[in-house]
């Protein structure tokens, strides 16, 4: 499980379809992106993450590509 600012973040990997995405609000994106890519690779998923601002919040939008 991912923890950001002492708050648990649950990612429902089993529900993430190809071309599906999720947003994680965070300021320090590098360690979060590394965690997401590592966890995706463990599940044999390809994942792309981009730094974005959504609804005034900075964070990562991550897509499963295969």
C-alpha atoms as a PDB file:
ATOM      1  CA  UNK A   1       0.000   0.000   0.000  1.00  0.00           C
ATOM      2  CA  UNK A   2       1.177   3.493  -0.844  1.00  0.00           C
ATOM      3  CA  UNK A   3       1.303   6.132   1.904  1.00  0.00           C
ATOM      4  CA  UNK A   4       1.369   9.859   1.102  1.00  0.00           C
ATOM      5  CA  UNK A   5       1.693  12.356   3.943  1.00  0.00           C
ATOM      6  CA  UNK A   6       0.839   9.561   6.407  1.00  0.00           C
ATOM      7  CA  UNK A   7      -2.404   8.808   4.548  1.00  0.00           C
ATOM      8  CA  UNK A   8      -2.921   5.379   2.965  1.00  0.00           C
ATOM      9  CA  UNK A   9      -3.662   5.336  -0.766  1.00  0.00           C
ATOM     10  CA  UNK A  10      -5.336   2.194  -2.056  1.00  0.00           C
ATOM     11  CA  UNK A  11      -4.986   1.454  -5.759  1.00  0.00           C
ATOM     12  CA  UNK A  12      -7.392  -1.172  -7.032  1.00  0.00           C
ATOM     13  CA  UNK A  13      -5.006  -2.747  -9.522  1.00  0.00           C
ATOM     14  CA  UNK A  14      -7.357  -5.641 -10.285  1.00  0.00           C
ATOM     15  CA  UNK A  15      -9.983  -3.165 -11.569  1.00  0.00           C
ATOM     16  CA  UNK A  16      -7.524  -1.140 -13.676  1.00  0.00           C
ATOM     17  CA  UNK A  17      -8.159  -1.932 -17.342  1.00  0.00           C
ATOM     18  CA  UNK A  18      -5.886  -1.230 -20.288  1.00  0.00           C
ATOM     19  CA  UNK A  19      -6.195   2.504 -21.076  1.00  0.00           C
ATOM     20  CA  UNK A  20      -7.692   3.060 -17.608  1.00  0.00           C
ATOM     21  CA  UNK A  21      -6.152   5.716 -15.373  1.00  0.00           C
ATOM     22  CA  UNK A  22      -6.113   7.068 -11.847  1.00  0.00           C
ATOM     23  CA  UNK A  23      -4.999  10.316 -10.195  1.00  0.00           C
ATOM     24  CA  UNK A  24      -2.880  10.536  -7.070  1.00  0.00           C
ATOM     25  CA  UNK A  25      -2.587  13.994  -5.492  1.00  0.00           C
ATOM     26  CA  UNK A  26       0.980  14.548  -4.290  1.00  0.00           C
ATOM     27  CA  UNK A  27       3.716  17.171  -4.303  1.00  0.00           C
ATOM     28  CA  UNK A  28       6.775  14.923  -4.344  1.00  0.00           C
ATOM     29  CA  UNK A  29       5.921  12.926  -7.470  1.00  0.00           C
ATOM     30  CA  UNK A  30       9.195  11.077  -8.079  1.00  0.00           C
ATOM     31  CA  UNK A  31       8.950   8.472  -5.272  1.00  0.00           C
ATOM     32  CA  UNK A  32       5.238   7.980  -5.982  1.00  0.00           C
ATOM     33  CA  UNK A  33       5.919   7.419  -9.684  1.00  0.00           C
ATOM     34  CA  UNK A  34       8.705   4.949  -8.858  1.00  0.00           C
ATOM     35  CA  UNK A  35       6.369   3.023  -6.560  1.00  0.00           C
ATOM     36  CA  UNK A  36       3.576   2.927  -9.178  1.00  0.00           C
ATOM     37  CA  UNK A  37       5.918   1.717 -11.928  1.00  0.00           C
ATOM     38  CA  UNK A  38       7.518  -0.890  -9.666  1.00  0.00           C
ATOM     39  CA  UNK A  39       4.128  -2.210  -8.540  1.00  0.00           C
ATOM     40  CA  UNK A  40       2.812  -2.185 -12.110  1.00  0.00           C
ATOM     41  CA  UNK A  41       5.859  -4.137 -13.333  1.00  0.00           C
ATOM     42  CA  UNK A  42       5.360  -6.677 -10.547  1.00  0.00           C
ATOM     43  CA  UNK A  43       1.864  -7.257 -11.938  1.00  0.00           C
ATOM     44  CA  UNK A  44       3.222  -7.287 -15.522  1.00  0.00           C
ATOM     45  CA  UNK A  45       1.440  -4.048 -16.420  1.00  0.00           C
ATOM     46  CA  UNK A  46       2.949  -1.216 -18.425  1.00  0.00           C
ATOM     47  CA  UNK A  47       2.231   2.083 -16.714  1.00  0.00           C
ATOM     48  CA  UNK A  48       2.820   5.689 -17.809  1.00  0.00           C
ATOM     49  CA  UNK A  49       2.672   8.552 -15.292  1.00  0.00           C
ATOM     50  CA  UNK A  50       2.461  12.280 -16.024  1.00  0.00           C
ATOM     51  CA  UNK A  51       2.620  15.241 -13.653  1.00  0.00           C
ATOM     52  CA  UNK A  52      -0.665  17.145 -13.918  1.00  0.00           C
ATOM     53  CA  UNK A  53      -2.894  19.662 -12.170  1.00  0.00           C
ATOM     54  CA  UNK A  54      -6.480  18.461 -11.824  1.00  0.00           C
ATOM     55  CA  UNK A  55      -9.177  20.505 -10.113  1.00  0.00           C
ATOM     56  CA  UNK A  56      -6.469  22.709  -8.632  1.00  0.00           C
ATOM     57  CA  UNK A  57      -4.482  19.789  -7.203  1.00  0.00           C
ATOM     58  CA  UNK A  58      -0.980  18.847  -8.271  1.00  0.00           C
ATOM     59  CA  UNK A  59      -0.168  15.173  -8.651  1.00  0.00           C
ATOM     60  CA  UNK A  60       0.247  12.204 -10.964  1.00  0.00           C
ATOM     61  CA  UNK A  61      -2.143  10.804 -13.537  1.00  0.00           C
ATOM     62  CA  UNK A  62      -1.173   7.194 -14.262  1.00  0.00           C
ATOM     63  CA  UNK A  63      -2.410   5.066 -17.167  1.00  0.00           C
ATOM     64  CA  UNK A  64      -2.173   1.338 -17.709  1.00  0.00           C
ATOM     65  CA  UNK A  65      -1.024   0.845 -21.302  1.00  0.00           C
ATOM     66  CA  UNK A  66      -0.920  -2.973 -21.420  1.00  0.00           C
END
